[in-house]
Amino acid sequence: MFRDIGSVRVAGRINAADEAILRSPPAPVLLVPARLRSPLAPSVSAGLPTVGVFLPYTPLHRMLLDRATGRWS
């Protein structure tokens, strides 16, 4: 789960169609090509050339992200 499209772009390569899918009402998990210098831990995709990404689509997701990144005390 990524906070926004900008953070998805840091970890994976997406185009306009990918962005539209991520922002669509179904809010799917999308497999995108991983960036070589991704900040994600190597164990996240275990050497695969892709990474699964999705955007938060509920308030609970946003709260979890805030808690995990220290933005919420």
PDB file of N, CA and C in Angstrom:
ATOM      1  N   MET A   1       0.853  -1.168   0.000  1.00  0.00           N
ATOM      2  CA  MET A   1       0.000   0.000   0.000  1.00  0.00           C
ATOM      3  C   MET A   1       0.900   1.232   0.000  1.00  0.00           C
ATOM      4  N   PHE A   2       0.589   2.143  -0.877  1.00  0.00           N
ATOM      5  CA  PHE A   2       1.354   3.372  -1.020  1.00  0.00           C
ATOM      6  C   PHE A   2       0.461   4.562  -0.714  1.00  0.00           C
ATOM      7  N   ARG A   3       1.040   5.581  -0.131  1.00  0.00           N
ATOM      8  CA  ARG A   3       0.280   6.760   0.278  1.00  0.00           C
ATOM      9  C   ARG A   3      -0.381   7.476  -0.896  1.00  0.00           C
ATOM     10  N   ASP A   4       0.342   7.595  -2.015  1.00  0.00           N
ATOM     11  CA  ASP A   4      -0.169   8.336  -3.162  1.00  0.00           C
ATOM     12  C   ASP A   4       0.554   7.886  -4.430  1.00  0.00           C
ATOM     13  N   ILE A   5       0.146   8.448  -5.564  1.00  0.00           N
ATOM     14  CA  ILE A   5       0.743   8.077  -6.849  1.00  0.00           C
ATOM     15  C   ILE A   5       2.234   8.403  -6.868  1.00  0.00           C
ATOM     16  N   GLY A   6       2.623   9.494  -6.250  1.00  0.00           N
ATOM     17  CA  GLY A   6       4.042   9.863  -6.209  1.00  0.00           C
ATOM     18  C   GLY A   6       4.895   8.800  -5.549  1.00  0.00           C
ATOM     19  N   SER A   7       4.403   8.227  -4.470  1.00  0.00           N
ATOM     20  CA  SER A   7       5.183   7.179  -3.796  1.00  0.00           C
ATOM     21  C   SER A   7       5.180   5.883  -4.600  1.00  0.00           C
ATOM     22  N   VAL A   8       4.124   5.640  -5.371  1.00  0.00           N
ATOM     23  CA  VAL A   8       4.116   4.475  -6.268  1.00  0.00           C
ATOM     24  C   VAL A   8       5.207   4.642  -7.316  1.00  0.00           C
ATOM     25  N   ARG A   9       5.344   5.856  -7.847  1.00  0.00           N
ATOM     26  CA  ARG A   9       6.351   6.117  -8.888  1.00  0.00           C
ATOM     27  C   ARG A   9       7.775   5.922  -8.384  1.00  0.00           C
ATOM     28  N   VAL A  10       8.000   6.098  -7.100  1.00  0.00           N
ATOM     29  CA  VAL A  10       9.331   5.894  -6.534  1.00  0.00           C
ATOM     30  C   VAL A  10       9.705   4.409  -6.550  1.00  0.00           C
ATOM     31  N   ALA A  11       8.724   3.543  -6.340  1.00  0.00           N
ATOM     32  CA  ALA A  11       8.989   2.109  -6.248  1.00  0.00           C
ATOM     33  C   ALA A  11       8.757   1.352  -7.547  1.00  0.00           C
ATOM     34  N   GLY A  12       7.889   1.879  -8.406  1.00  0.00           N
ATOM     35  CA  GLY A  12       7.560   1.171  -9.642  1.00  0.00           C
ATOM     36  C   GLY A  12       7.378   2.112 -10.818  1.00  0.00           C
ATOM     37  N   ARG A  13       7.397   1.540 -11.990  1.00  0.00           N
ATOM     38  CA  ARG A  13       7.207   2.339 -13.205  1.00  0.00           C
ATOM     39  C   ARG A  13       5.748   2.227 -13.635  1.00  0.00           C
ATOM     40  N   ILE A  14       5.038   3.353 -13.619  1.00  0.00           N
ATOM     41  CA  ILE A  14       3.638   3.353 -14.023  1.00  0.00           C
ATOM     42  C   ILE A  14       3.413   4.383 -15.121  1.00  0.00           C
ATOM     43  N   ASN A  15       2.380   4.144 -15.908  1.00  0.00           N
ATOM     44  CA  ASN A  15       2.005   5.097 -16.950  1.00  0.00           C
ATOM     45  C   ASN A  15       0.617   5.641 -16.621  1.00  0.00           C
ATOM     46  N   ALA A  16       0.072   6.454 -17.514  1.00  0.00           N
ATOM     47  CA  ALA A  16      -1.223   7.088 -17.267  1.00  0.00           C
ATOM     48  C   ALA A  16      -2.342   6.058 -17.117  1.00  0.00           C
ATOM     49  N   ALA A  17      -2.297   4.994 -17.907  1.00  0.00           N
ATOM     50  CA  ALA A  17      -3.328   3.954 -17.804  1.00  0.00           C
ATOM     51  C   ALA A  17      -3.253   3.252 -16.450  1.00  0.00           C
ATOM     52  N   ASP A  18      -2.040   2.975 -15.975  1.00  0.00           N
ATOM     53  CA  ASP A  18      -1.863   2.353 -14.659  1.00  0.00           C
ATOM     54  C   ASP A  18      -2.429   3.263 -13.562  1.00  0.00           C
ATOM     55  N   GLU A  19      -2.132   4.549 -13.674  1.00  0.00           N
ATOM     56  CA  GLU A  19      -2.619   5.506 -12.675  1.00  0.00           C
ATOM     57  C   GLU A  19      -4.141   5.529 -12.659  1.00  0.00           C
ATOM     58  N   ALA A  20      -4.761   5.501 -13.827  1.00  0.00           N
ATOM     59  CA  ALA A  20      -6.224   5.498 -13.904  1.00  0.00           C
ATOM     60  C   ALA A  20      -6.796   4.241 -13.236  1.00  0.00           C
ATOM     61  N   ILE A  21      -6.151   3.112 -13.437  1.00  0.00           N
ATOM     62  CA  ILE A  21      -6.613   1.863 -12.815  1.00  0.00           C
ATOM     63  C   ILE A  21      -6.483   1.949 -11.301  1.00  0.00           C
ATOM     64  N   LEU A  22      -5.355   2.459 -10.815  1.00  0.00           N
ATOM     65  CA  LEU A  22      -5.155   2.571  -9.363  1.00  0.00           C
ATOM     66  C   LEU A  22      -6.178   3.494  -8.716  1.00  0.00           C
ATOM     67  N   ARG A  23      -6.580   4.542  -9.423  1.00  0.00           N
ATOM     68  CA  ARG A  23      -7.535   5.514  -8.883  1.00  0.00           C
ATOM     69  C   ARG A  23      -8.997   5.129  -9.125  1.00  0.00           C
ATOM     70  N   SER A  24      -9.236   4.056  -9.853  1.00  0.00           N
ATOM     71  CA  SER A  24     -10.603   3.659 -10.201  1.00  0.00           C
ATOM     72  C   SER A  24     -11.360   3.154  -8.965  1.00  0.00           C
ATOM     73  N   PRO A  25     -12.703   3.160  -9.011  1.00  0.00           N
ATOM     74  CA  PRO A  25     -13.498   2.713  -7.866  1.00  0.00           C
ATOM     75  C   PRO A  25     -13.175   1.295  -7.368  1.00  0.00           C
ATOM     76  N   PRO A  26     -12.864   0.320  -8.234  1.00  0.00           N
ATOM     77  CA  PRO A  26     -12.519  -1.000  -7.688  1.00  0.00           C
ATOM     78  C   PRO A  26     -11.231  -1.008  -6.860  1.00  0.00           C
ATOM     79  N   ALA A  27     -10.355  -0.013  -7.066  1.00  0.00           N
ATOM     80  CA  ALA A  27      -9.109   0.118  -6.298  1.00  0.00           C
ATOM     81  C   ALA A  27      -8.332  -1.192  -6.225  1.00  0.00           C
ATOM     82  N   PRO A  28      -7.961  -1.756  -7.383  1.00  0.00           N
ATOM     83  CA  PRO A  28      -7.284  -3.056  -7.374  1.00  0.00           C
ATOM     84  C   PRO A  28      -5.814  -2.975  -6.968  1.00  0.00           C
ATOM     85  N   VAL A  29      -5.265  -4.127  -6.669  1.00  0.00           N
ATOM     86  CA  VAL A  29      -3.819  -4.260  -6.543  1.00  0.00           C
ATOM     87  C   VAL A  29      -3.310  -4.420  -7.970  1.00  0.00           C
ATOM     88  N   LEU A  30      -2.327  -3.638  -8.335  1.00  0.00           N
ATOM     89  CA  LEU A  30      -1.802  -3.645  -9.698  1.00  0.00           C
ATOM     90  C   LEU A  30      -0.344  -4.082  -9.666  1.00  0.00           C
ATOM     91  N   LEU A  31       0.027  -5.012 -10.519  1.00  0.00           N
ATOM     92  CA  LEU A  31       1.427  -5.411 -10.640  1.00  0.00           C
ATOM     93  C   LEU A  31       2.094  -4.503 -11.649  1.00  0.00           C
ATOM     94  N   VAL A  32       3.160  -3.830 -11.216  1.00  0.00           N
ATOM     95  CA  VAL A  32       3.889  -2.912 -12.092  1.00  0.00           C
ATOM     96  C   VAL A  32       5.370  -3.274 -12.079  1.00  0.00           C
ATOM     97  N   PRO A  33       6.091  -2.904 -13.135  1.00  0.00           N
ATOM     98  CA  PRO A  33       7.535  -3.161 -13.134  1.00  0.00           C
ATOM     99  C   PRO A  33       8.211  -2.404 -11.987  1.00  0.00           C
ATOM    100  N   ALA A  34       9.044  -3.097 -11.256  1.00  0.00           N
ATOM    101  CA  ALA A  34       9.761  -2.483 -10.135  1.00  0.00           C
ATOM    102  C   ALA A  34      10.911  -1.627 -10.647  1.00  0.00           C
ATOM    103  N   ARG A  35      11.204  -0.571  -9.927  1.00  0.00           N
ATOM    104  CA  ARG A  35      12.372   0.255 -10.248  1.00  0.00           C
ATOM    105  C   ARG A  35      13.625  -0.427  -9.701  1.00  0.00           C
ATOM    106  N   LEU A  36      14.723  -0.266 -10.394  1.00  0.00           N
ATOM    107  CA  LEU A  36      15.980  -0.881  -9.954  1.00  0.00           C
ATOM    108  C   LEU A  36      16.423  -0.365  -8.595  1.00  0.00           C
ATOM    109  N   ARG A  37      16.256   0.897  -8.358  1.00  0.00           N
ATOM    110  CA  ARG A  37      16.682   1.495  -7.095  1.00  0.00           C
ATOM    111  C   ARG A  37      15.489   1.806  -6.194  1.00  0.00           C
ATOM    112  N   SER A  38      14.574   0.875  -6.114  1.00  0.00           N
ATOM    113  CA  SER A  38      13.381   1.034  -5.293  1.00  0.00           C
ATOM    114  C   SER A  38      13.759   1.083  -3.814  1.00  0.00           C
ATOM    115  N   PRO A  39      13.058   1.897  -3.032  1.00  0.00           N
ATOM    116  CA  PRO A  39      13.331   1.942  -1.595  1.00  0.00           C
ATOM    117  C   PRO A  39      12.727   0.758  -0.833  1.00  0.00           C
ATOM    118  N   LEU A  40      11.992  -0.102  -1.534  1.00  0.00           N
ATOM    119  CA  LEU A  40      11.376  -1.252  -0.875  1.00  0.00           C
ATOM    120  C   LEU A  40      12.426  -2.295  -0.498  1.00  0.00           C
ATOM    121  N   ALA A  41      12.169  -2.995   0.566  1.00  0.00           N
ATOM    122  CA  ALA A  41      13.063  -4.081   0.989  1.00  0.00           C
ATOM    123  C   ALA A  41      13.099  -5.151  -0.100  1.00  0.00           C
ATOM    124  N   PRO A  42      14.249  -5.750  -0.350  1.00  0.00           N
ATOM    125  CA  PRO A  42      14.347  -6.791  -1.384  1.00  0.00           C
ATOM    126  C   PRO A  42      13.379  -7.945  -1.162  1.00  0.00           C
ATOM    127  N   SER A  43      13.019  -8.213   0.061  1.00  0.00           N
ATOM    128  CA  SER A  43      12.107  -9.319   0.352  1.00  0.00           C
ATOM    129  C   SER A  43      10.656  -9.025  -0.040  1.00  0.00           C
ATOM    130  N   VAL A  44      10.347  -7.773  -0.356  1.00  0.00           N
ATOM    131  CA  VAL A  44       8.968  -7.422  -0.713  1.00  0.00           C
ATOM    132  C   VAL A  44       8.520  -8.169  -1.962  1.00  0.00           C
ATOM    133  N   SER A  45       9.357  -8.192  -2.973  1.00  0.00           N
ATOM    134  CA  SER A  45       8.967  -8.904  -4.195  1.00  0.00           C
ATOM    135  C   SER A  45       9.892 -10.083  -4.487  1.00  0.00           C
ATOM    136  N   ALA A  46      10.731 -10.426  -3.550  1.00  0.00           N
ATOM    137  CA  ALA A  46      11.586 -11.620  -3.604  1.00  0.00           C
ATOM    138  C   ALA A  46      12.278 -11.833  -4.949  1.00  0.00           C
ATOM    139  N   GLY A  47      12.884 -10.779  -5.484  1.00  0.00           N
ATOM    140  CA  GLY A  47      13.640 -10.888  -6.727  1.00  0.00           C
ATOM    141  C   GLY A  47      12.805 -10.863  -7.991  1.00  0.00           C
ATOM    142  N   LEU A  48      11.497 -10.685  -7.876  1.00  0.00           N
ATOM    143  CA  LEU A  48      10.650 -10.607  -9.059  1.00  0.00           C
ATOM    144  C   LEU A  48      10.797  -9.244  -9.727  1.00  0.00           C
ATOM    145  N   PRO A  49      10.548  -9.160 -11.019  1.00  0.00           N
ATOM    146  CA  PRO A  49      10.689  -7.881 -11.710  1.00  0.00           C
ATOM    147  C   PRO A  49       9.498  -6.945 -11.508  1.00  0.00           C
ATOM    148  N   THR A  50       8.480  -7.409 -10.774  1.00  0.00           N
ATOM    149  CA  THR A  50       7.288  -6.596 -10.542  1.00  0.00           C
ATOM    150  C   THR A  50       7.041  -6.422  -9.054  1.00  0.00           C
ATOM    151  N   VAL A  51       6.218  -5.426  -8.747  1.00  0.00           N
ATOM    152  CA  VAL A  51       5.806  -5.186  -7.369  1.00  0.00           C
ATOM    153  C   VAL A  51       4.305  -4.895  -7.394  1.00  0.00           C
ATOM    154  N   GLY A  52       3.582  -5.405  -6.403  1.00  0.00           N
ATOM    155  CA  GLY A  52       2.150  -5.136  -6.296  1.00  0.00           C
ATOM    156  C   GLY A  52       1.920  -3.826  -5.567  1.00  0.00           C
ATOM    157  N   VAL A  53       1.106  -2.972  -6.144  1.00  0.00           N
ATOM    158  CA  VAL A  53       0.841  -1.661  -5.545  1.00  0.00           C
ATOM    159  C   VAL A  53      -0.665  -1.423  -5.456  1.00  0.00           C
ATOM    160  N   PHE A  54      -1.061  -0.704  -4.427  1.00  0.00           N
ATOM    161  CA  PHE A  54      -2.428  -0.200  -4.357  1.00  0.00           C
ATOM    162  C   PHE A  54      -2.443   1.031  -3.477  1.00  0.00           C
ATOM    163  N   LEU A  55      -3.473   1.843  -3.661  1.00  0.00           N
ATOM    164  CA  LEU A  55      -3.627   3.073  -2.894  1.00  0.00           C
ATOM    165  C   LEU A  55      -4.632   2.837  -1.774  1.00  0.00           C
ATOM    166  N   PRO A  56      -4.493   3.570  -0.671  1.00  0.00           N
ATOM    167  CA  PRO A  56      -5.462   3.415   0.412  1.00  0.00           C
ATOM    168  C   PRO A  56      -6.850   3.837  -0.068  1.00  0.00           C
ATOM    169  N   TYR A  57      -7.849   3.052   0.283  1.00  0.00           N
ATOM    170  CA  TYR A  57      -9.197   3.402  -0.159  1.00  0.00           C
ATOM    171  C   TYR A  57     -10.212   3.444   0.978  1.00  0.00           C
ATOM    172  N   THR A  58      -9.731   3.326   2.205  1.00  0.00           N
ATOM    173  CA  THR A  58     -10.608   3.489   3.363  1.00  0.00           C
ATOM    174  C   THR A  58      -9.889   4.382   4.380  1.00  0.00           C
ATOM    175  N   PRO A  59     -10.639   5.005   5.267  1.00  0.00           N
ATOM    176  CA  PRO A  59      -9.992   5.786   6.335  1.00  0.00           C
ATOM    177  C   PRO A  59      -9.050   4.929   7.185  1.00  0.00           C
ATOM    178  N   LEU A  60      -9.392   3.659   7.378  1.00  0.00           N
ATOM    179  CA  LEU A  60      -8.520   2.778   8.153  1.00  0.00           C
ATOM    180  C   LEU A  60      -7.160   2.621   7.482  1.00  0.00           C
ATOM    181  N   HIS A  61      -7.139   2.482   6.169  1.00  0.00           N
ATOM    182  CA  HIS A  61      -5.861   2.388   5.447  1.00  0.00           C
ATOM    183  C   HIS A  61      -5.013   3.628   5.712  1.00  0.00           C
ATOM    184  N   ARG A  62      -5.633   4.797   5.634  1.00  0.00           N
ATOM    185  CA  ARG A  62      -4.887   6.045   5.873  1.00  0.00           C
ATOM    186  C   ARG A  62      -4.361   6.116   7.305  1.00  0.00           C
ATOM    187  N   MET A  63      -5.175   5.673   8.256  1.00  0.00           N
ATOM    188  CA  MET A  63      -4.723   5.661   9.645  1.00  0.00           C
ATOM    189  C   MET A  63      -3.539   4.713   9.831  1.00  0.00           C
ATOM    190  N   LEU A  64      -3.587   3.540   9.210  1.00  0.00           N
ATOM    191  CA  LEU A  64      -2.476   2.594   9.305  1.00  0.00           C
ATOM    192  C   LEU A  64      -1.203   3.167   8.700  1.00  0.00           C
ATOM    193  N   LEU A  65      -1.321   3.825   7.551  1.00  0.00           N
ATOM    194  CA  LEU A  65      -0.148   4.445   6.928  1.00  0.00           C
ATOM    195  C   LEU A  65       0.429   5.533   7.826  1.00  0.00           C
ATOM    196  N   ASP A  66      -0.459   6.367   8.390  1.00  0.00           N
ATOM    197  CA  ASP A  66       0.018   7.421   9.275  1.00  0.00           C
ATOM    198  C   ASP A  66       0.730   6.844  10.480  1.00  0.00           C
ATOM    199  N   ARG A  67       0.182   5.799  11.039  1.00  0.00           N
ATOM    200  CA  ARG A  67       0.785   5.151  12.216  1.00  0.00           C
ATOM    201  C   ARG A  67       2.148   4.535  11.856  1.00  0.00           C
ATOM    202  N   ALA A  68       2.212   3.879  10.705  1.00  0.00           N
ATOM    203  CA  ALA A  68       3.454   3.210  10.292  1.00  0.00           C
ATOM    204  C   ALA A  68       4.562   4.194   9.966  1.00  0.00           C
ATOM    205  N   THR A  69       4.213   5.387   9.531  1.00  0.00           N
ATOM    206  CA  THR A  69       5.217   6.372   9.150  1.00  0.00           C
ATOM    207  C   THR A  69       5.453   7.419  10.235  1.00  0.00           C
ATOM    208  N   GLY A  70       4.828   7.222  11.391  1.00  0.00           N
ATOM    209  CA  GLY A  70       5.051   8.130  12.519  1.00  0.00           C
ATOM    210  C   GLY A  70       4.351   9.464  12.411  1.00  0.00           C
ATOM    211  N   ARG A  71       3.350   9.555  11.539  1.00  0.00           N
ATOM    212  CA  ARG A  71       2.624  10.821  11.391  1.00  0.00           C
ATOM    213  C   ARG A  71       1.462  10.935  12.357  1.00  0.00           C
ATOM    214  N   TRP A  72       1.274   9.905  13.151  1.00  0.00           N
ATOM    215  CA  TRP A  72       0.154   9.876  14.083  1.00  0.00           C
ATOM    216  C   TRP A  72       0.677   9.356  15.405  1.00  0.00           C
ATOM    217  N   SER A  73       0.425  10.062  16.460  1.00  0.00           N
ATOM    218  CA  SER A  73       0.919   9.633  17.782  1.00  0.00           C
ATOM    219  C   SER A  73      -0.167   8.964  18.585  1.00  0.00           C
TER     220      SER A  73
END
